[in-house]
Amino acid sequence: MILEKLNPAVDKKYLLLTAGLMWCGVGVMLISFALSWLNHYEGRGRILFYAAGLLAGMPIHFMGFMNLAQKNIARLMALQGKKCIFSFITWKSYLIIIIMVSLGITLRHSSIPKQYLSILYNGLGIGLFLSGILYIMTSFKLMFSNHK
Protein backbone atom coordinates (compact mmCIF):
# COMPACT_ATOMS: atom_id res chain seq x y z
CA MET A 1 0.00 0.00 0.00
CA ILE A 2 2.77 2.47 0.91
CA LEU A 3 4.76 1.42 -2.17
CA GLU A 4 1.83 2.41 -4.38
CA LYS A 5 1.86 5.88 -2.85
CA LEU A 6 5.59 6.23 -3.48
CA ASN A 7 5.42 4.90 -7.04
CA PRO A 8 5.90 7.83 -9.45
CA ALA A 9 3.33 6.50 -11.93
CA VAL A 10 2.54 8.51 -15.08
CA ASP A 11 0.61 8.09 -18.31
CA LYS A 12 2.43 6.70 -21.36
CA LYS A 13 2.49 10.12 -23.04
CA TYR A 14 4.82 11.27 -20.25
CA LEU A 15 6.91 8.12 -20.51
CA LEU A 16 7.37 8.91 -24.20
CA LEU A 17 8.21 12.53 -23.42
CA THR A 18 10.70 11.47 -20.73
CA ALA A 19 12.39 9.05 -23.12
CA GLY A 20 12.55 11.68 -25.86
CA LEU A 21 13.99 14.33 -23.58
CA MET A 22 16.55 11.83 -22.26
CA TRP A 23 17.64 10.76 -25.76
CA CYS A 24 17.80 14.37 -26.98
CA GLY A 25 19.64 15.49 -23.84
CA VAL A 26 22.30 12.80 -24.17
CA GLY A 27 22.59 13.61 -27.87
CA VAL A 28 23.18 17.29 -27.11
CA MET A 29 25.76 16.35 -24.45
CA LEU A 30 27.71 14.19 -26.92
CA ILE A 31 27.54 16.85 -29.63
CA SER A 32 28.78 19.42 -27.10
CA PHE A 33 31.80 17.26 -26.28
CA ALA A 34 32.57 16.88 -29.99
CA LEU A 35 32.20 20.57 -30.76
CA SER A 36 34.31 21.65 -27.79
CA TRP A 37 37.09 19.30 -28.86
CA LEU A 38 36.99 20.62 -32.40
CA ASN A 39 36.90 24.24 -31.25
CA HIS A 40 40.22 23.58 -29.51
CA TYR A 41 41.67 21.78 -32.53
CA GLU A 42 43.94 24.08 -34.51
CA GLY A 43 44.40 21.87 -37.55
CA ARG A 44 43.43 22.95 -41.06
CA GLY A 45 41.08 20.00 -41.45
CA ARG A 46 38.73 20.98 -38.63
CA ILE A 47 35.84 21.45 -41.07
CA LEU A 48 36.37 17.89 -42.32
CA PHE A 49 35.94 16.56 -38.78
CA TYR A 50 32.73 18.58 -38.41
CA ALA A 51 31.43 17.23 -41.73
CA ALA A 52 32.44 13.63 -40.96
CA GLY A 53 30.56 13.77 -37.67
CA LEU A 54 27.46 15.15 -39.38
CA LEU A 55 27.63 12.50 -42.09
CA ALA A 56 28.12 9.75 -39.49
CA GLY A 57 24.98 10.86 -37.68
CA MET A 58 22.62 10.02 -40.52
CA PRO A 59 23.33 6.28 -40.87
CA ILE A 60 23.61 5.98 -37.08
CA HIS A 61 20.11 7.42 -36.82
CA PHE A 62 18.46 5.68 -39.76
CA MET A 63 20.11 2.25 -39.42
CA GLY A 64 20.45 2.05 -35.65
CA PHE A 65 18.75 4.34 -33.19
CA MET A 66 15.57 4.95 -35.20
CA ASN A 67 14.72 1.23 -35.22
CA LEU A 68 15.43 0.97 -31.52
CA ALA A 69 13.32 4.03 -30.79
CA GLN A 70 10.42 2.73 -32.89
CA LYS A 71 10.46 -0.61 -31.06
CA ASN A 72 10.51 1.15 -27.71
CA ILE A 73 7.72 3.55 -28.79
CA ALA A 74 5.59 0.54 -29.80
CA ARG A 75 6.27 -1.06 -26.39
CA LEU A 76 5.28 2.13 -24.58
CA MET A 77 2.18 2.65 -26.73
CA ALA A 78 0.94 -0.84 -25.79
CA LEU A 79 1.02 -0.01 -22.08
CA GLN A 80 -2.30 0.36 -20.31
CA GLY A 81 -2.82 2.63 -17.34
CA LYS A 82 -0.18 4.53 -15.44
CA LYS A 83 3.32 3.09 -15.13
CA CYS A 84 6.42 4.01 -13.16
CA ILE A 85 8.27 6.96 -14.71
CA PHE A 86 11.45 4.84 -14.85
CA SER A 87 9.78 2.28 -17.13
CA PHE A 88 10.39 4.51 -20.16
CA ILE A 89 13.19 2.03 -20.90
CA THR A 90 13.55 -1.66 -20.06
CA TRP A 91 15.82 -3.11 -17.39
CA LYS A 92 18.01 -4.58 -20.10
CA SER A 93 18.44 -1.09 -21.56
CA TYR A 94 19.60 0.24 -18.20
CA LEU A 95 22.43 -2.33 -18.29
CA ILE A 96 23.33 -1.30 -21.85
CA ILE A 97 23.42 2.35 -20.75
CA ILE A 98 25.87 1.51 -17.95
CA ILE A 99 28.14 -0.22 -20.48
CA MET A 100 27.88 2.68 -22.96
CA VAL A 101 28.61 5.31 -20.31
CA SER A 102 31.63 3.30 -19.15
CA LEU A 103 32.86 2.98 -22.72
CA GLY A 104 32.36 6.72 -23.28
CA ILE A 105 34.37 7.59 -20.18
CA THR A 106 37.11 5.18 -21.26
CA LEU A 107 37.24 6.70 -24.75
CA ARG A 108 37.34 10.27 -23.43
CA HIS A 109 40.29 9.41 -21.22
CA SER A 110 42.08 7.35 -23.88
CA SER A 111 45.00 8.50 -26.01
CA ILE A 112 42.80 8.70 -29.13
CA PRO A 113 43.13 12.23 -30.53
CA LYS A 114 39.99 14.19 -29.69
CA GLN A 115 39.41 15.37 -33.25
CA TYR A 116 38.99 11.73 -34.34
CA LEU A 117 36.89 10.93 -31.31
CA SER A 118 34.69 13.92 -32.17
CA ILE A 119 33.46 12.11 -35.31
CA LEU A 120 32.08 9.25 -33.20
CA TYR A 121 30.63 11.55 -30.52
CA ASN A 122 29.06 13.89 -33.05
CA GLY A 123 27.60 10.99 -35.04
CA LEU A 124 26.19 9.26 -31.97
CA GLY A 125 24.89 12.55 -30.60
CA ILE A 126 23.10 13.44 -33.83
CA GLY A 127 21.66 9.93 -34.09
CA LEU A 128 20.38 10.04 -30.51
CA PHE A 129 18.95 13.54 -30.88
CA LEU A 130 17.07 12.75 -34.10
CA SER A 131 15.70 9.52 -32.64
CA GLY A 132 14.68 11.34 -29.47
CA ILE A 133 12.53 13.61 -31.61
CA LEU A 134 10.47 10.52 -32.58
CA TYR A 135 9.54 9.98 -28.92
CA ILE A 136 8.66 13.63 -28.43
CA MET A 137 6.51 13.77 -31.56
CA THR A 138 4.63 10.63 -30.49
CA SER A 139 4.13 12.08 -27.02
CA PHE A 140 2.76 15.33 -28.44
CA LYS A 141 0.40 13.41 -30.72
CA LEU A 142 -1.02 11.69 -27.64
CA MET A 143 -1.19 14.92 -25.65
CA PHE A 144 -3.06 16.82 -28.33
CA SER A 145 -5.43 14.07 -29.47
CA ASN A 146 -8.14 12.05 -27.83
CA HIS A 147 -6.08 8.87 -28.20
CA LYS A 148 -5.37 7.11 -24.92
C-alpha atoms as a PDB file:
ATOM      1  CA  MET A   1       0.000   0.000   0.000  1.00  0.00           C
ATOM      2  CA  ILE A   2       2.773   2.470   0.913  1.00  0.00           C
ATOM      3  CA  LEU A   3       4.761   1.425  -2.169  1.00  0.00           C
ATOM      4  CA  GLU A   4       1.833   2.406  -4.382  1.00  0.00           C
ATOM      5  CA  LYS A   5       1.862   5.884  -2.852  1.00  0.00           C
ATOM      6  CA  LEU A   6       5.592   6.228  -3.477  1.00  0.00           C
ATOM      7  CA  ASN A   7       5.420   4.898  -7.042  1.00  0.00           C
ATOM      8  CA  PRO A   8       5.896   7.832  -9.450  1.00  0.00           C
ATOM      9  CA  ALA A   9       3.329   6.500 -11.935  1.00  0.00           C
ATOM     10  CA  VAL A  10       2.543   8.506 -15.076  1.00  0.00           C
ATOM     11  CA  ASP A  11       0.605   8.093 -18.310  1.00  0.00           C
ATOM     12  CA  LYS A  12       2.430   6.697 -21.358  1.00  0.00           C
ATOM     13  CA  LYS A  13       2.490  10.115 -23.037  1.00  0.00           C
ATOM     14  CA  TYR A  14       4.824  11.273 -20.247  1.00  0.00           C
ATOM     15  CA  LEU A  15       6.913   8.118 -20.512  1.00  0.00           C
ATOM     16  CA  LEU A  16       7.368   8.912 -24.203  1.00  0.00           C
ATOM     17  CA  LEU A  17       8.208  12.532 -23.423  1.00  0.00           C
ATOM     18  CA  THR A  18      10.701  11.470 -20.731  1.00  0.00           C
ATOM     19  CA  ALA A  19      12.394   9.048 -23.122  1.00  0.00           C
ATOM     20  CA  GLY A  20      12.553  11.680 -25.861  1.00  0.00           C
ATOM     21  CA  LEU A  21      13.994  14.333 -23.578  1.00  0.00           C
ATOM     22  CA  MET A  22      16.555  11.834 -22.262  1.00  0.00           C
ATOM     23  CA  TRP A  23      17.643  10.759 -25.755  1.00  0.00           C
ATOM     24  CA  CYS A  24      17.797  14.365 -26.978  1.00  0.00           C
ATOM     25  CA  GLY A  25      19.643  15.486 -23.842  1.00  0.00           C
ATOM     26  CA  VAL A  26      22.297  12.799 -24.165  1.00  0.00           C
ATOM     27  CA  GLY A  27      22.593  13.613 -27.871  1.00  0.00           C
ATOM     28  CA  VAL A  28      23.181  17.294 -27.107  1.00  0.00           C
ATOM     29  CA  MET A  29      25.756  16.352 -24.454  1.00  0.00           C
ATOM     30  CA  LEU A  30      27.715  14.185 -26.921  1.00  0.00           C
ATOM     31  CA  ILE A  31      27.536  16.846 -29.633  1.00  0.00           C
ATOM     32  CA  SER A  32      28.776  19.419 -27.096  1.00  0.00           C
ATOM     33  CA  PHE A  33      31.796  17.262 -26.281  1.00  0.00           C
ATOM     34  CA  ALA A  34      32.568  16.876 -29.988  1.00  0.00           C
ATOM     35  CA  LEU A  35      32.204  20.569 -30.763  1.00  0.00           C
ATOM     36  CA  SER A  36      34.310  21.648 -27.788  1.00  0.00           C
ATOM     37  CA  TRP A  37      37.094  19.296 -28.860  1.00  0.00           C
ATOM     38  CA  LEU A  38      36.986  20.623 -32.405  1.00  0.00           C
ATOM     39  CA  ASN A  39      36.903  24.242 -31.249  1.00  0.00           C
ATOM     40  CA  HIS A  40      40.225  23.579 -29.508  1.00  0.00           C
ATOM     41  CA  TYR A  41      41.670  21.777 -32.530  1.00  0.00           C
ATOM     42  CA  GLU A  42      43.945  24.079 -34.508  1.00  0.00           C
ATOM     43  CA  GLY A  43      44.400  21.872 -37.554  1.00  0.00           C
ATOM     44  CA  ARG A  44      43.426  22.952 -41.056  1.00  0.00           C
ATOM     45  CA  GLY A  45      41.079  19.997 -41.446  1.00  0.00           C
ATOM     46  CA  ARG A  46      38.727  20.983 -38.635  1.00  0.00           C
ATOM     47  CA  ILE A  47      35.842  21.452 -41.069  1.00  0.00           C
ATOM     48  CA  LEU A  48      36.370  17.889 -42.324  1.00  0.00           C
ATOM     49  CA  PHE A  49      35.937  16.561 -38.783  1.00  0.00           C
ATOM     50  CA  TYR A  50      32.727  18.581 -38.409  1.00  0.00           C
ATOM     51  CA  ALA A  51      31.433  17.226 -41.728  1.00  0.00           C
ATOM     52  CA  ALA A  52      32.444  13.630 -40.964  1.00  0.00           C
ATOM     53  CA  GLY A  53      30.560  13.768 -37.671  1.00  0.00           C
ATOM     54  CA  LEU A  54      27.464  15.150 -39.384  1.00  0.00           C
ATOM     55  CA  LEU A  55      27.635  12.495 -42.087  1.00  0.00           C
ATOM     56  CA  ALA A  56      28.123   9.746 -39.492  1.00  0.00           C
ATOM     57  CA  GLY A  57      24.978  10.859 -37.678  1.00  0.00           C
ATOM     58  CA  MET A  58      22.616  10.021 -40.524  1.00  0.00           C
ATOM     59  CA  PRO A  59      23.330   6.277 -40.865  1.00  0.00           C
ATOM     60  CA  ILE A  60      23.615   5.981 -37.078  1.00  0.00           C
ATOM     61  CA  HIS A  61      20.113   7.424 -36.818  1.00  0.00           C
ATOM     62  CA  PHE A  62      18.463   5.675 -39.764  1.00  0.00           C
ATOM     63  CA  MET A  63      20.109   2.249 -39.415  1.00  0.00           C
ATOM     64  CA  GLY A  64      20.448   2.050 -35.654  1.00  0.00           C
ATOM     65  CA  PHE A  65      18.752   4.335 -33.195  1.00  0.00           C
ATOM     66  CA  MET A  66      15.573   4.951 -35.201  1.00  0.00           C
ATOM     67  CA  ASN A  67      14.720   1.231 -35.221  1.00  0.00           C
ATOM     68  CA  LEU A  68      15.435   0.967 -31.518  1.00  0.00           C
ATOM     69  CA  ALA A  69      13.320   4.034 -30.793  1.00  0.00           C
ATOM     70  CA  GLN A  70      10.421   2.732 -32.893  1.00  0.00           C
ATOM     71  CA  LYS A  71      10.457  -0.613 -31.055  1.00  0.00           C
ATOM     72  CA  ASN A  72      10.506   1.154 -27.706  1.00  0.00           C
ATOM     73  CA  ILE A  73       7.725   3.546 -28.794  1.00  0.00           C
ATOM     74  CA  ALA A  74       5.592   0.536 -29.795  1.00  0.00           C
ATOM     75  CA  ARG A  75       6.270  -1.058 -26.392  1.00  0.00           C
ATOM     76  CA  LEU A  76       5.276   2.128 -24.582  1.00  0.00           C
ATOM     77  CA  MET A  77       2.179   2.654 -26.734  1.00  0.00           C
ATOM     78  CA  ALA A  78       0.938  -0.839 -25.792  1.00  0.00           C
ATOM     79  CA  LEU A  79       1.020  -0.007 -22.077  1.00  0.00           C
ATOM     80  CA  GLN A  80      -2.297   0.356 -20.306  1.00  0.00           C
ATOM     81  CA  GLY A  81      -2.817   2.630 -17.335  1.00  0.00           C
ATOM     82  CA  LYS A  82      -0.175   4.531 -15.442  1.00  0.00           C
ATOM     83  CA  LYS A  83       3.321   3.086 -15.129  1.00  0.00           C
ATOM     84  CA  CYS A  84       6.423   4.011 -13.155  1.00  0.00           C
ATOM     85  CA  ILE A  85       8.273   6.963 -14.709  1.00  0.00           C
ATOM     86  CA  PHE A  86      11.453   4.841 -14.847  1.00  0.00           C
ATOM     87  CA  SER A  87       9.780   2.283 -17.128  1.00  0.00           C
ATOM     88  CA  PHE A  88      10.390   4.511 -20.164  1.00  0.00           C
ATOM     89  CA  ILE A  89      13.193   2.034 -20.895  1.00  0.00           C
ATOM     90  CA  THR A  90      13.552  -1.656 -20.063  1.00  0.00           C
ATOM     91  CA  TRP A  91      15.819  -3.108 -17.386  1.00  0.00           C
ATOM     92  CA  LYS A  92      18.013  -4.585 -20.103  1.00  0.00           C
ATOM     93  CA  SER A  93      18.440  -1.089 -21.556  1.00  0.00           C
ATOM     94  CA  TYR A  94      19.601   0.239 -18.198  1.00  0.00           C
ATOM     95  CA  LEU A  95      22.429  -2.332 -18.292  1.00  0.00           C
ATOM     96  CA  ILE A  96      23.329  -1.302 -21.852  1.00  0.00           C
ATOM     97  CA  ILE A  97      23.420   2.349 -20.750  1.00  0.00           C
ATOM     98  CA  ILE A  98      25.869   1.510 -17.948  1.00  0.00           C
ATOM     99  CA  ILE A  99      28.137  -0.216 -20.476  1.00  0.00           C
ATOM    100  CA  MET A 100      27.877   2.683 -22.963  1.00  0.00           C
ATOM    101  CA  VAL A 101      28.615   5.314 -20.311  1.00  0.00           C
ATOM    102  CA  SER A 102      31.627   3.300 -19.147  1.00  0.00           C
ATOM    103  CA  LEU A 103      32.861   2.978 -22.716  1.00  0.00           C
ATOM    104  CA  GLY A 104      32.365   6.715 -23.278  1.00  0.00           C
ATOM    105  CA  ILE A 105      34.371   7.587 -20.178  1.00  0.00           C
ATOM    106  CA  THR A 106      37.107   5.176 -21.256  1.00  0.00           C
ATOM    107  CA  LEU A 107      37.244   6.698 -24.750  1.00  0.00           C
ATOM    108  CA  ARG A 108      37.338  10.274 -23.434  1.00  0.00           C
ATOM    109  CA  HIS A 109      40.290   9.406 -21.222  1.00  0.00           C
ATOM    110  CA  SER A 110      42.082   7.347 -23.879  1.00  0.00           C
ATOM    111  CA  SER A 111      44.997   8.497 -26.005  1.00  0.00           C
ATOM    112  CA  ILE A 112      42.805   8.704 -29.126  1.00  0.00           C
ATOM    113  CA  PRO A 113      43.134  12.232 -30.534  1.00  0.00           C
ATOM    114  CA  LYS A 114      39.990  14.190 -29.687  1.00  0.00           C
ATOM    115  CA  GLN A 115      39.413  15.371 -33.254  1.00  0.00           C
ATOM    116  CA  TYR A 116      38.990  11.730 -34.338  1.00  0.00           C
ATOM    117  CA  LEU A 117      36.888  10.927 -31.311  1.00  0.00           C
ATOM    118  CA  SER A 118      34.695  13.921 -32.174  1.00  0.00           C
ATOM    119  CA  ILE A 119      33.463  12.106 -35.307  1.00  0.00           C
ATOM    120  CA  LEU A 120      32.079   9.255 -33.201  1.00  0.00           C
ATOM    121  CA  TYR A 121      30.628  11.548 -30.521  1.00  0.00           C
ATOM    122  CA  ASN A 122      29.060  13.890 -33.054  1.00  0.00           C
ATOM    123  CA  GLY A 123      27.604  10.992 -35.040  1.00  0.00           C
ATOM    124  CA  LEU A 124      26.186   9.262 -31.974  1.00  0.00           C
ATOM    125  CA  GLY A 125      24.893  12.552 -30.603  1.00  0.00           C
ATOM    126  CA  ILE A 126      23.100  13.437 -33.831  1.00  0.00           C
ATOM    127  CA  GLY A 127      21.658   9.926 -34.087  1.00  0.00           C
ATOM    128  CA  LEU A 128      20.380  10.040 -30.508  1.00  0.00           C
ATOM    129  CA  PHE A 129      18.952  13.537 -30.883  1.00  0.00           C
ATOM    130  CA  LEU A 130      17.072  12.749 -34.100  1.00  0.00           C
ATOM    131  CA  SER A 131      15.696   9.521 -32.640  1.00  0.00           C
ATOM    132  CA  GLY A 132      14.676  11.338 -29.465  1.00  0.00           C
ATOM    133  CA  ILE A 133      12.528  13.610 -31.607  1.00  0.00           C
ATOM    134  CA  LEU A 134      10.466  10.523 -32.580  1.00  0.00           C
ATOM    135  CA  TYR A 135       9.544   9.977 -28.925  1.00  0.00           C
ATOM    136  CA  ILE A 136       8.656  13.629 -28.425  1.00  0.00           C
ATOM    137  CA  MET A 137       6.508  13.766 -31.564  1.00  0.00           C
ATOM    138  CA  THR A 138       4.629  10.628 -30.490  1.00  0.00           C
ATOM    139  CA  SER A 139       4.131  12.081 -27.015  1.00  0.00           C
ATOM    140  CA  PHE A 140       2.762  15.331 -28.438  1.00  0.00           C
ATOM    141  CA  LYS A 141       0.403  13.410 -30.715  1.00  0.00           C
ATOM    142  CA  LEU A 142      -1.017  11.692 -27.638  1.00  0.00           C
ATOM    143  CA  MET A 143      -1.194  14.917 -25.648  1.00  0.00           C
ATOM    144  CA  PHE A 144      -3.065  16.824 -28.328  1.00  0.00           C
ATOM    145  CA  SER A 145      -5.427  14.074 -29.469  1.00  0.00           C
ATOM    146  CA  ASN A 146      -8.142  12.049 -27.830  1.00  0.00           C
ATOM    147  CA  HIS A 147      -6.076   8.869 -28.197  1.00  0.00           C
ATOM    148  CA  LYS A 148      -5.371   7.105 -24.918  1.00  0.00           C
END
